[in-house]
Amino acid sequence: MFNSLPTEYTNRVLCYYTNTSKQIQIIRITDIPNWYFERILFPQQRLLFEAIPHAHLEVYKKRFGVADLVAKILCDFLQVQQEAEAPSPLYSARQ
């Protein structure tokens, strides 16, 4: 994974973000010491990334050549939730 978190961060979470706008977005995480994360996302592009729960994903869009902060999201809210395993449709408990 590009820009992996430093090894001292053991409480990592897998996060998911989608650019649901019709504009290109720049996303950044700048509040993790010794680490900087920045990506450009096109409209409807999705991204999985690792972070720590208390970090913030900053979302920017360019307006008149200037990147404006439009959202700041706690990474804990972007954490991928693992669904409970559903029984296989090929297996029936009835006999």
PDB file of N, CA and C in Angstrom:
ATOM      1  N   MET A   1       0.857  -1.179   0.000  1.00  0.00           N
ATOM      2  CA  MET A   1       0.000   0.000   0.000  1.00  0.00           C
ATOM      3  C   MET A   1       0.898   1.235   0.000  1.00  0.00           C
ATOM      4  N   PHE A   2       0.569   2.199  -0.816  1.00  0.00           N
ATOM      5  CA  PHE A   2       1.339   3.439  -0.884  1.00  0.00           C
ATOM      6  C   PHE A   2       1.214   4.194   0.428  1.00  0.00           C
ATOM      7  N   ASN A   3       2.278   4.840   0.824  1.00  0.00           N
ATOM      8  CA  ASN A   3       2.289   5.664   2.027  1.00  0.00           C
ATOM      9  C   ASN A   3       1.763   4.907   3.242  1.00  0.00           C
ATOM     10  N   SER A   4       2.293   3.724   3.483  1.00  0.00           N
ATOM     11  CA  SER A   4       1.855   2.942   4.632  1.00  0.00           C
ATOM     12  C   SER A   4       2.109   3.704   5.920  1.00  0.00           C
ATOM     13  N   LEU A   5       1.234   3.481   6.874  1.00  0.00           N
ATOM     14  CA  LEU A   5       1.390   4.108   8.183  1.00  0.00           C
ATOM     15  C   LEU A   5       2.678   3.627   8.835  1.00  0.00           C
ATOM     16  N   PRO A   6       3.337   4.468   9.613  1.00  0.00           N
ATOM     17  CA  PRO A   6       4.510   4.011  10.363  1.00  0.00           C
ATOM     18  C   PRO A   6       4.139   2.838  11.275  1.00  0.00           C
ATOM     19  N   THR A   7       5.087   1.960  11.506  1.00  0.00           N
ATOM     20  CA  THR A   7       4.819   0.732  12.255  1.00  0.00           C
ATOM     21  C   THR A   7       4.395   0.960  13.694  1.00  0.00           C
ATOM     22  N   GLU A   8       4.679   2.125  14.264  1.00  0.00           N
ATOM     23  CA  GLU A   8       4.286   2.352  15.666  1.00  0.00           C
ATOM     24  C   GLU A   8       2.769   2.478  15.850  1.00  0.00           C
ATOM     25  N   TYR A   9       2.041   2.642  14.758  1.00  0.00           N
ATOM     26  CA  TYR A   9       0.571   2.745  14.856  1.00  0.00           C
ATOM     27  C   TYR A   9      -0.035   1.356  14.691  1.00  0.00           C
ATOM     28  N   THR A  10      -0.376   0.759  15.810  1.00  0.00           N
ATOM     29  CA  THR A  10      -0.912  -0.603  15.780  1.00  0.00           C
ATOM     30  C   THR A  10      -2.435  -0.635  15.766  1.00  0.00           C
ATOM     31  N   ASN A  11      -3.076   0.480  16.054  1.00  0.00           N
ATOM     32  CA  ASN A  11      -4.545   0.520  16.082  1.00  0.00           C
ATOM     33  C   ASN A  11      -5.094   1.019  14.745  1.00  0.00           C
ATOM     34  N   ARG A  12      -4.641   0.422  13.673  1.00  0.00           N
ATOM     35  CA  ARG A  12      -5.039   0.826  12.325  1.00  0.00           C
ATOM     36  C   ARG A  12      -6.455   0.358  12.014  1.00  0.00           C
ATOM     37  N   VAL A  13      -7.128   1.138  11.172  1.00  0.00           N
ATOM     38  CA  VAL A  13      -8.443   0.728  10.682  1.00  0.00           C
ATOM     39  C   VAL A  13      -8.445   0.876   9.164  1.00  0.00           C
ATOM     40  N   LEU A  14      -9.192   0.010   8.511  1.00  0.00           N
ATOM     41  CA  LEU A  14      -9.372   0.107   7.070  1.00  0.00           C
ATOM     42  C   LEU A  14     -10.541   1.044   6.820  1.00  0.00           C
ATOM     43  N   CYS A  15     -10.318   2.059   6.003  1.00  0.00           N
ATOM     44  CA  CYS A  15     -11.334   3.088   5.748  1.00  0.00           C
ATOM     45  C   CYS A  15     -11.730   3.085   4.276  1.00  0.00           C
ATOM     46  N   TYR A  16     -12.924   3.613   4.021  1.00  0.00           N
ATOM     47  CA  TYR A  16     -13.480   3.652   2.674  1.00  0.00           C
ATOM     48  C   TYR A  16     -14.096   5.018   2.439  1.00  0.00           C
ATOM     49  N   TYR A  17     -13.758   5.629   1.319  1.00  0.00           N
ATOM     50  CA  TYR A  17     -14.320   6.937   0.975  1.00  0.00           C
ATOM     51  C   TYR A  17     -14.655   6.948  -0.510  1.00  0.00           C
ATOM     52  N   THR A  18     -15.778   7.569  -0.860  1.00  0.00           N
ATOM     53  CA  THR A  18     -16.192   7.738  -2.248  1.00  0.00           C
ATOM     54  C   THR A  18     -16.390   9.215  -2.539  1.00  0.00           C
ATOM     55  N   ASN A  19     -15.865   9.673  -3.645  1.00  0.00           N
ATOM     56  CA  ASN A  19     -16.121  11.037  -4.101  1.00  0.00           C
ATOM     57  C   ASN A  19     -17.478  11.024  -4.804  1.00  0.00           C
ATOM     58  N   THR A  20     -18.514  11.421  -4.097  1.00  0.00           N
ATOM     59  CA  THR A  20     -19.868  11.408  -4.658  1.00  0.00           C
ATOM     60  C   THR A  20     -20.204  12.695  -5.401  1.00  0.00           C
ATOM     61  N   SER A  21     -19.262  13.621  -5.453  1.00  0.00           N
ATOM     62  CA  SER A  21     -19.519  14.891  -6.135  1.00  0.00           C
ATOM     63  C   SER A  21     -19.262  14.749  -7.639  1.00  0.00           C
ATOM     64  N   LYS A  22     -19.503  15.822  -8.353  1.00  0.00           N
ATOM     65  CA  LYS A  22     -19.247  15.853  -9.795  1.00  0.00           C
ATOM     66  C   LYS A  22     -17.930  16.566 -10.102  1.00  0.00           C
ATOM     67  N   GLN A  23     -17.141  16.810  -9.057  1.00  0.00           N
ATOM     68  CA  GLN A  23     -15.877  17.522  -9.213  1.00  0.00           C
ATOM     69  C   GLN A  23     -14.725  16.678  -8.688  1.00  0.00           C
ATOM     70  N   ILE A  24     -13.537  16.964  -9.178  1.00  0.00           N
ATOM     71  CA  ILE A  24     -12.336  16.314  -8.658  1.00  0.00           C
ATOM     72  C   ILE A  24     -12.123  16.794  -7.226  1.00  0.00           C
ATOM     73  N   GLN A  25     -11.759  15.866  -6.345  1.00  0.00           N
ATOM     74  CA  GLN A  25     -11.475  16.206  -4.952  1.00  0.00           C
ATOM     75  C   GLN A  25     -10.030  15.849  -4.621  1.00  0.00           C
ATOM     76  N   ILE A  26      -9.478  16.580  -3.692  1.00  0.00           N
ATOM     77  CA  ILE A  26      -8.175  16.263  -3.109  1.00  0.00           C
ATOM     78  C   ILE A  26      -8.464  15.850  -1.678  1.00  0.00           C
ATOM     79  N   ILE A  27      -7.990  14.671  -1.288  1.00  0.00           N
ATOM     80  CA  ILE A  27      -8.204  14.236   0.095  1.00  0.00           C
ATOM     81  C   ILE A  27      -6.849  14.134   0.779  1.00  0.00           C
ATOM     82  N   ARG A  28      -6.840  14.503   2.054  1.00  0.00           N
ATOM     83  CA  ARG A  28      -5.590  14.521   2.826  1.00  0.00           C
ATOM     84  C   ARG A  28      -5.837  14.061   4.250  1.00  0.00           C
ATOM     85  N   ILE A  29      -4.802  13.462   4.814  1.00  0.00           N
ATOM     86  CA  ILE A  29      -4.745  13.228   6.259  1.00  0.00           C
ATOM     87  C   ILE A  29      -3.430  13.853   6.700  1.00  0.00           C
ATOM     88  N   THR A  30      -3.518  14.843   7.579  1.00  0.00           N
ATOM     89  CA  THR A  30      -2.311  15.568   7.989  1.00  0.00           C
ATOM     90  C   THR A  30      -2.083  15.533   9.492  1.00  0.00           C
ATOM     91  N   ASP A  31      -2.989  14.887  10.239  1.00  0.00           N
ATOM     92  CA  ASP A  31      -2.873  14.941  11.701  1.00  0.00           C
ATOM     93  C   ASP A  31      -2.322  13.662  12.332  1.00  0.00           C
ATOM     94  N   ILE A  32      -1.576  12.878  11.559  1.00  0.00           N
ATOM     95  CA  ILE A  32      -0.871  11.718  12.099  1.00  0.00           C
ATOM     96  C   ILE A  32       0.618  12.063  12.054  1.00  0.00           C
ATOM     97  N   PRO A  33       1.274  12.138  13.218  1.00  0.00           N
ATOM     98  CA  PRO A  33       2.700  12.501  13.235  1.00  0.00           C
ATOM     99  C   PRO A  33       3.549  11.565  12.366  1.00  0.00           C
ATOM    100  N   ASN A  34       4.518  12.128  11.679  1.00  0.00           N
ATOM    101  CA  ASN A  34       5.461  11.395  10.825  1.00  0.00           C
ATOM    102  C   ASN A  34       4.807  10.713   9.627  1.00  0.00           C
ATOM    103  N   TRP A  35       3.643  11.205   9.201  1.00  0.00           N
ATOM    104  CA  TRP A  35       2.948  10.599   8.064  1.00  0.00           C
ATOM    105  C   TRP A  35       2.097  11.644   7.379  1.00  0.00           C
ATOM    106  N   TYR A  36       2.064  11.583   6.061  1.00  0.00           N
ATOM    107  CA  TYR A  36       1.239  12.501   5.271  1.00  0.00           C
ATOM    108  C   TYR A  36       0.589  11.684   4.166  1.00  0.00           C
ATOM    109  N   PHE A  37      -0.700  11.874   3.983  1.00  0.00           N
ATOM    110  CA  PHE A  37      -1.459  11.119   2.991  1.00  0.00           C
ATOM    111  C   PHE A  37      -2.228  12.105   2.128  1.00  0.00           C
ATOM    112  N   GLU A  38      -2.086  11.983   0.809  1.00  0.00           N
ATOM    113  CA  GLU A  38      -2.832  12.852  -0.103  1.00  0.00           C
ATOM    114  C   GLU A  38      -3.125  12.086  -1.382  1.00  0.00           C
ATOM    115  N   ARG A  39      -4.351  12.201  -1.849  1.00  0.00           N
ATOM    116  CA  ARG A  39      -4.772  11.565  -3.094  1.00  0.00           C
ATOM    117  C   ARG A  39      -5.704  12.504  -3.843  1.00  0.00           C
ATOM    118  N   ILE A  40      -5.754  12.336  -5.150  1.00  0.00           N
ATOM    119  CA  ILE A  40      -6.728  13.034  -5.985  1.00  0.00           C
ATOM    120  C   ILE A  40      -7.772  12.007  -6.385  1.00  0.00           C
ATOM    121  N   LEU A  41      -9.040  12.355  -6.184  1.00  0.00           N
ATOM    122  CA  LEU A  41     -10.134  11.443  -6.529  1.00  0.00           C
ATOM    123  C   LEU A  41     -11.033  12.091  -7.574  1.00  0.00           C
ATOM    124  N   PHE A  42     -11.306  11.343  -8.620  1.00  0.00           N
ATOM    125  CA  PHE A  42     -12.219  11.802  -9.655  1.00  0.00           C
ATOM    126  C   PHE A  42     -13.658  11.522  -9.220  1.00  0.00           C
ATOM    127  N   PRO A  43     -14.627  12.163  -9.850  1.00  0.00           N
ATOM    128  CA  PRO A  43     -16.030  11.922  -9.477  1.00  0.00           C
ATOM    129  C   PRO A  43     -16.363  10.426  -9.506  1.00  0.00           C
ATOM    130  N   GLN A  44     -17.027   9.980  -8.469  1.00  0.00           N
ATOM    131  CA  GLN A  44     -17.468   8.592  -8.272  1.00  0.00           C
ATOM    132  C   GLN A  44     -16.323   7.617  -8.001  1.00  0.00           C
ATOM    133  N   GLN A  45     -15.104   8.091  -7.884  1.00  0.00           N
ATOM    134  CA  GLN A  45     -13.980   7.206  -7.572  1.00  0.00           C
ATOM    135  C   GLN A  45     -14.036   6.815  -6.105  1.00  0.00           C
ATOM    136  N   ARG A  46     -13.653   5.567  -5.826  1.00  0.00           N
ATOM    137  CA  ARG A  46     -13.663   5.025  -4.463  1.00  0.00           C
ATOM    138  C   ARG A  46     -12.231   4.752  -4.031  1.00  0.00           C
ATOM    139  N   LEU A  47     -12.023   4.805  -2.719  1.00  0.00           N
ATOM    140  CA  LEU A  47     -10.675   4.592  -2.203  1.00  0.00           C
ATOM    141  C   LEU A  47     -10.732   3.859  -0.872  1.00  0.00           C
ATOM    142  N   LEU A  48      -9.914   2.816  -0.755  1.00  0.00           N
ATOM    143  CA  LEU A  48      -9.675   2.131   0.515  1.00  0.00           C
ATOM    144  C   LEU A  48      -8.305   2.574   1.004  1.00  0.00           C
ATOM    145  N   PHE A  49      -8.203   2.871   2.289  1.00  0.00           N
ATOM    146  CA  PHE A  49      -6.924   3.297   2.848  1.00  0.00           C
ATOM    147  C   PHE A  49      -6.886   2.954   4.330  1.00  0.00           C
ATOM    148  N   GLU A  50      -5.680   2.853   4.873  1.00  0.00           N
ATOM    149  CA  GLU A  50      -5.492   2.616   6.304  1.00  0.00           C
ATOM    150  C   GLU A  50      -5.238   3.932   7.009  1.00  0.00           C
ATOM    151  N   ALA A  51      -5.785   4.050   8.196  1.00  0.00           N
ATOM    152  CA  ALA A  51      -5.548   5.229   9.032  1.00  0.00           C
ATOM    153  C   ALA A  51      -5.724   4.800  10.482  1.00  0.00           C
ATOM    154  N   ILE A  52      -5.623   5.750  11.383  1.00  0.00           N
ATOM    155  CA  ILE A  52      -5.937   5.473  12.781  1.00  0.00           C
ATOM    156  C   ILE A  52      -7.286   6.131  13.075  1.00  0.00           C
ATOM    157  N   PRO A  53      -8.065   5.556  13.984  1.00  0.00           N
ATOM    158  CA  PRO A  53      -9.448   6.008  14.175  1.00  0.00           C
ATOM    159  C   PRO A  53      -9.616   7.493  14.474  1.00  0.00           C
ATOM    160  N   HIS A  54      -8.675   8.100  15.199  1.00  0.00           N
ATOM    161  CA  HIS A  54      -8.870   9.505  15.585  1.00  0.00           C
ATOM    162  C   HIS A  54      -8.297  10.505  14.568  1.00  0.00           C
ATOM    163  N   ALA A  55      -7.779  10.015  13.444  1.00  0.00           N
ATOM    164  CA  ALA A  55      -7.298  10.910  12.384  1.00  0.00           C
ATOM    165  C   ALA A  55      -8.493  11.481  11.619  1.00  0.00           C
ATOM    166  N   HIS A  56      -8.245  12.557  10.903  1.00  0.00           N
ATOM    167  CA  HIS A  56      -9.304  13.204  10.124  1.00  0.00           C
ATOM    168  C   HIS A  56      -8.945  13.202   8.636  1.00  0.00           C
ATOM    169  N   LEU A  57      -9.911  12.828   7.821  1.00  0.00           N
ATOM    170  CA  LEU A  57      -9.769  12.939   6.378  1.00  0.00           C
ATOM    171  C   LEU A  57     -10.284  14.316   5.974  1.00  0.00           C
ATOM    172  N   GLU A  58      -9.419  15.100   5.357  1.00  0.00           N
ATOM    173  CA  GLU A  58      -9.805  16.433   4.886  1.00  0.00           C
ATOM    174  C   GLU A  58     -10.129  16.330   3.399  1.00  0.00           C
ATOM    175  N   VAL A  59     -11.252  16.896   2.996  1.00  0.00           N
ATOM    176  CA  VAL A  59     -11.695  16.846   1.604  1.00  0.00           C
ATOM    177  C   VAL A  59     -11.670  18.266   1.046  1.00  0.00           C
ATOM    178  N   TYR A  60     -10.945  18.436  -0.049  1.00  0.00           N
ATOM    179  CA  TYR A  60     -10.809  19.745  -0.690  1.00  0.00           C
ATOM    180  C   TYR A  60     -11.322  19.665  -2.117  1.00  0.00           C
ATOM    181  N   LYS A  61     -11.836  20.789  -2.610  1.00  0.00           N
ATOM    182  CA  LYS A  61     -12.091  20.899  -4.040  1.00  0.00           C
ATOM    183  C   LYS A  61     -11.539  22.234  -4.508  1.00  0.00           C
ATOM    184  N   LYS A  62     -11.076  22.239  -5.747  1.00  0.00           N
ATOM    185  CA  LYS A  62     -10.468  23.463  -6.285  1.00  0.00           C
ATOM    186  C   LYS A  62     -11.552  24.394  -6.793  1.00  0.00           C
ATOM    187  N   ARG A  63     -11.423  25.636  -6.378  1.00  0.00           N
ATOM    188  CA  ARG A  63     -12.320  26.691  -6.826  1.00  0.00           C
ATOM    189  C   ARG A  63     -11.468  27.902  -7.160  1.00  0.00           C
ATOM    190  N   PHE A  64     -11.514  28.314  -8.401  1.00  0.00           N
ATOM    191  CA  PHE A  64     -10.740  29.476  -8.843  1.00  0.00           C
ATOM    192  C   PHE A  64      -9.247  29.303  -8.549  1.00  0.00           C
ATOM    193  N   GLY A  65      -8.743  28.077  -8.738  1.00  0.00           N
ATOM    194  CA  GLY A  65      -7.328  27.809  -8.542  1.00  0.00           C
ATOM    195  C   GLY A  65      -6.889  27.636  -7.101  1.00  0.00           C
ATOM    196  N   VAL A  66      -7.830  27.702  -6.170  1.00  0.00           N
ATOM    197  CA  VAL A  66      -7.517  27.564  -4.745  1.00  0.00           C
ATOM    198  C   VAL A  66      -8.235  26.329  -4.202  1.00  0.00           C
ATOM    199  N   ALA A  67      -7.529  25.520  -3.420  1.00  0.00           N
ATOM    200  CA  ALA A  67      -8.148  24.340  -2.810  1.00  0.00           C
ATOM    201  C   ALA A  67      -8.903  24.765  -1.554  1.00  0.00           C
ATOM    202  N   ASP A  68     -10.223  24.604  -1.577  1.00  0.00           N
ATOM    203  CA  ASP A  68     -11.077  24.947  -0.434  1.00  0.00           C
ATOM    204  C   ASP A  68     -11.433  23.691   0.347  1.00  0.00           C
ATOM    205  N   LEU A  69     -11.284  23.743   1.662  1.00  0.00           N
ATOM    206  CA  LEU A  69     -11.686  22.637   2.526  1.00  0.00           C
ATOM    207  C   LEU A  69     -13.210  22.589   2.557  1.00  0.00           C
ATOM    208  N   VAL A  70     -13.793  21.446   2.144  1.00  0.00           N
ATOM    209  CA  VAL A  70     -15.252  21.324   2.119  1.00  0.00           C
ATOM    210  C   VAL A  70     -15.777  20.334   3.156  1.00  0.00           C
ATOM    211  N   ALA A  71     -14.894  19.477   3.695  1.00  0.00           N
ATOM    212  CA  ALA A  71     -15.325  18.521   4.720  1.00  0.00           C
ATOM    213  C   ALA A  71     -14.113  18.031   5.495  1.00  0.00           C
ATOM    214  N   LYS A  72     -14.354  17.695   6.751  1.00  0.00           N
ATOM    215  CA  LYS A  72     -13.336  17.093   7.611  1.00  0.00           C
ATOM    216  C   LYS A  72     -14.041  15.952   8.325  1.00  0.00           C
ATOM    217  N   ILE A  73     -13.633  14.707   8.028  1.00  0.00           N
ATOM    218  CA  ILE A  73     -14.356  13.520   8.484  1.00  0.00           C
ATOM    219  C   ILE A  73     -13.452  12.679   9.373  1.00  0.00           C
ATOM    220  N   LEU A  74     -13.941  12.307  10.536  1.00  0.00           N
ATOM    221  CA  LEU A  74     -13.203  11.430  11.439  1.00  0.00           C
ATOM    222  C   LEU A  74     -13.067  10.051  10.787  1.00  0.00           C
ATOM    223  N   CYS A  75     -11.853   9.538  10.715  1.00  0.00           N
ATOM    224  CA  CYS A  75     -11.615   8.255  10.052  1.00  0.00           C
ATOM    225  C   CYS A  75     -12.387   7.112  10.699  1.00  0.00           C
ATOM    226  N   ASP A  76     -12.675   7.222  11.979  1.00  0.00           N
ATOM    227  CA  ASP A  76     -13.472   6.196  12.651  1.00  0.00           C
ATOM    228  C   ASP A  76     -14.829   6.028  11.965  1.00  0.00           C
ATOM    229  N   PHE A  77     -15.392   7.124  11.439  1.00  0.00           N
ATOM    230  CA  PHE A  77     -16.680   7.057  10.740  1.00  0.00           C
ATOM    231  C   PHE A  77     -16.554   6.435   9.354  1.00  0.00           C
ATOM    232  N   LEU A  78     -15.347   6.402   8.818  1.00  0.00           N
ATOM    233  CA  LEU A  78     -15.114   5.836   7.489  1.00  0.00           C
ATOM    234  C   LEU A  78     -14.656   4.385   7.554  1.00  0.00           C
ATOM    235  N   GLN A  79     -14.570   3.851   8.754  1.00  0.00           N
ATOM    236  CA  GLN A  79     -14.068   2.489   8.947  1.00  0.00           C
ATOM    237  C   GLN A  79     -14.969   1.478   8.258  1.00  0.00           C
ATOM    238  N   VAL A  80     -14.354   0.536   7.552  1.00  0.00           N
ATOM    239  CA  VAL A  80     -15.086  -0.538   6.890  1.00  0.00           C
ATOM    240  C   VAL A  80     -15.625  -1.469   7.967  1.00  0.00           C
ATOM    241  N   GLN A  81     -16.902  -1.731   7.896  1.00  0.00           N
ATOM    242  CA  GLN A  81     -17.537  -2.625   8.861  1.00  0.00           C
ATOM    243  C   GLN A  81     -17.655  -4.011   8.246  1.00  0.00           C
ATOM    244  N   GLN A  82     -17.210  -5.007   8.985  1.00  0.00           N
ATOM    245  CA  GLN A  82     -17.306  -6.374   8.500  1.00  0.00           C
ATOM    246  C   GLN A  82     -18.695  -6.895   8.805  1.00  0.00           C
ATOM    247  N   GLU A  83     -19.364  -7.393   7.770  1.00  0.00           N
ATOM    248  CA  GLU A  83     -20.705  -7.929   7.963  1.00  0.00           C
ATOM    249  C   GLU A  83     -20.615  -9.311   8.589  1.00  0.00           C
ATOM    250  N   ALA A  84     -21.653  -9.645   9.365  1.00  0.00           N
ATOM    251  CA  ALA A  84     -21.723 -10.988   9.933  1.00  0.00           C
ATOM    252  C   ALA A  84     -21.870 -11.977   8.786  1.00  0.00           C
ATOM    253  N   GLU A  85     -21.248 -13.119   8.938  1.00  0.00           N
ATOM    254  CA  GLU A  85     -21.324 -14.110   7.874  1.00  0.00           C
ATOM    255  C   GLU A  85     -22.734 -14.632   7.733  1.00  0.00           C
ATOM    256  N   ALA A  86     -23.225 -14.589   6.537  1.00  0.00           N
ATOM    257  CA  ALA A  86     -24.550 -15.130   6.246  1.00  0.00           C
ATOM    258  C   ALA A  86     -24.380 -16.592   5.868  1.00  0.00           C
ATOM    259  N   PRO A  87     -25.370 -17.402   6.181  1.00  0.00           N
ATOM    260  CA  PRO A  87     -25.267 -18.806   5.784  1.00  0.00           C
ATOM    261  C   PRO A  87     -25.220 -18.919   4.259  1.00  0.00           C
ATOM    262  N   SER A  88     -24.467 -19.864   3.794  1.00  0.00           N
ATOM    263  CA  SER A  88     -24.356 -20.079   2.362  1.00  0.00           C
ATOM    264  C   SER A  88     -25.702 -20.495   1.793  1.00  0.00           C
ATOM    265  N   PRO A  89     -26.099 -19.951   0.639  1.00  0.00           N
ATOM    266  CA  PRO A  89     -27.373 -20.356   0.047  1.00  0.00           C
ATOM    267  C   PRO A  89     -27.339 -21.801  -0.439  1.00  0.00           C
ATOM    268  N   LEU A  90     -26.142 -22.378  -0.525  1.00  0.00           N
ATOM    269  CA  LEU A  90     -26.023 -23.763  -0.972  1.00  0.00           C
ATOM    270  C   LEU A  90     -26.173 -24.750   0.178  1.00  0.00           C
ATOM    271  N   TYR A  91     -26.171 -24.253   1.391  1.00  0.00           N
ATOM    272  CA  TYR A  91     -26.263 -25.118   2.564  1.00  0.00           C
ATOM    273  C   TYR A  91     -27.618 -24.943   3.213  1.00  0.00           C
ATOM    274  N   SER A  92     -28.256 -26.024   3.513  1.00  0.00           N
ATOM    275  CA  SER A  92     -29.548 -25.961   4.187  1.00  0.00           C
ATOM    276  C   SER A  92     -29.435 -26.698   5.508  1.00  0.00           C
ATOM    277  N   ALA A  93     -29.876 -26.052   6.580  1.00  0.00           N
ATOM    278  CA  ALA A  93     -29.824 -26.672   7.902  1.00  0.00           C
ATOM    279  C   ALA A  93     -30.895 -27.741   8.050  1.00  0.00           C
ATOM    280  N   ARG A  94     -31.888 -27.720   7.167  1.00  0.00           N
ATOM    281  CA  ARG A  94     -32.955 -28.732   7.243  1.00  0.00           C
ATOM    282  C   ARG A  94     -32.464 -30.051   6.679  1.00  0.00           C
ATOM    283  N   GLN A  95     -32.904 -31.124   7.297  1.00  0.00           N
ATOM    284  CA  GLN A  95     -32.528 -32.451   6.792  1.00  0.00           C
ATOM    285  C   GLN A  95     -33.732 -33.317   6.650  1.00  0.00           C
TER     286      GLN A  95
END
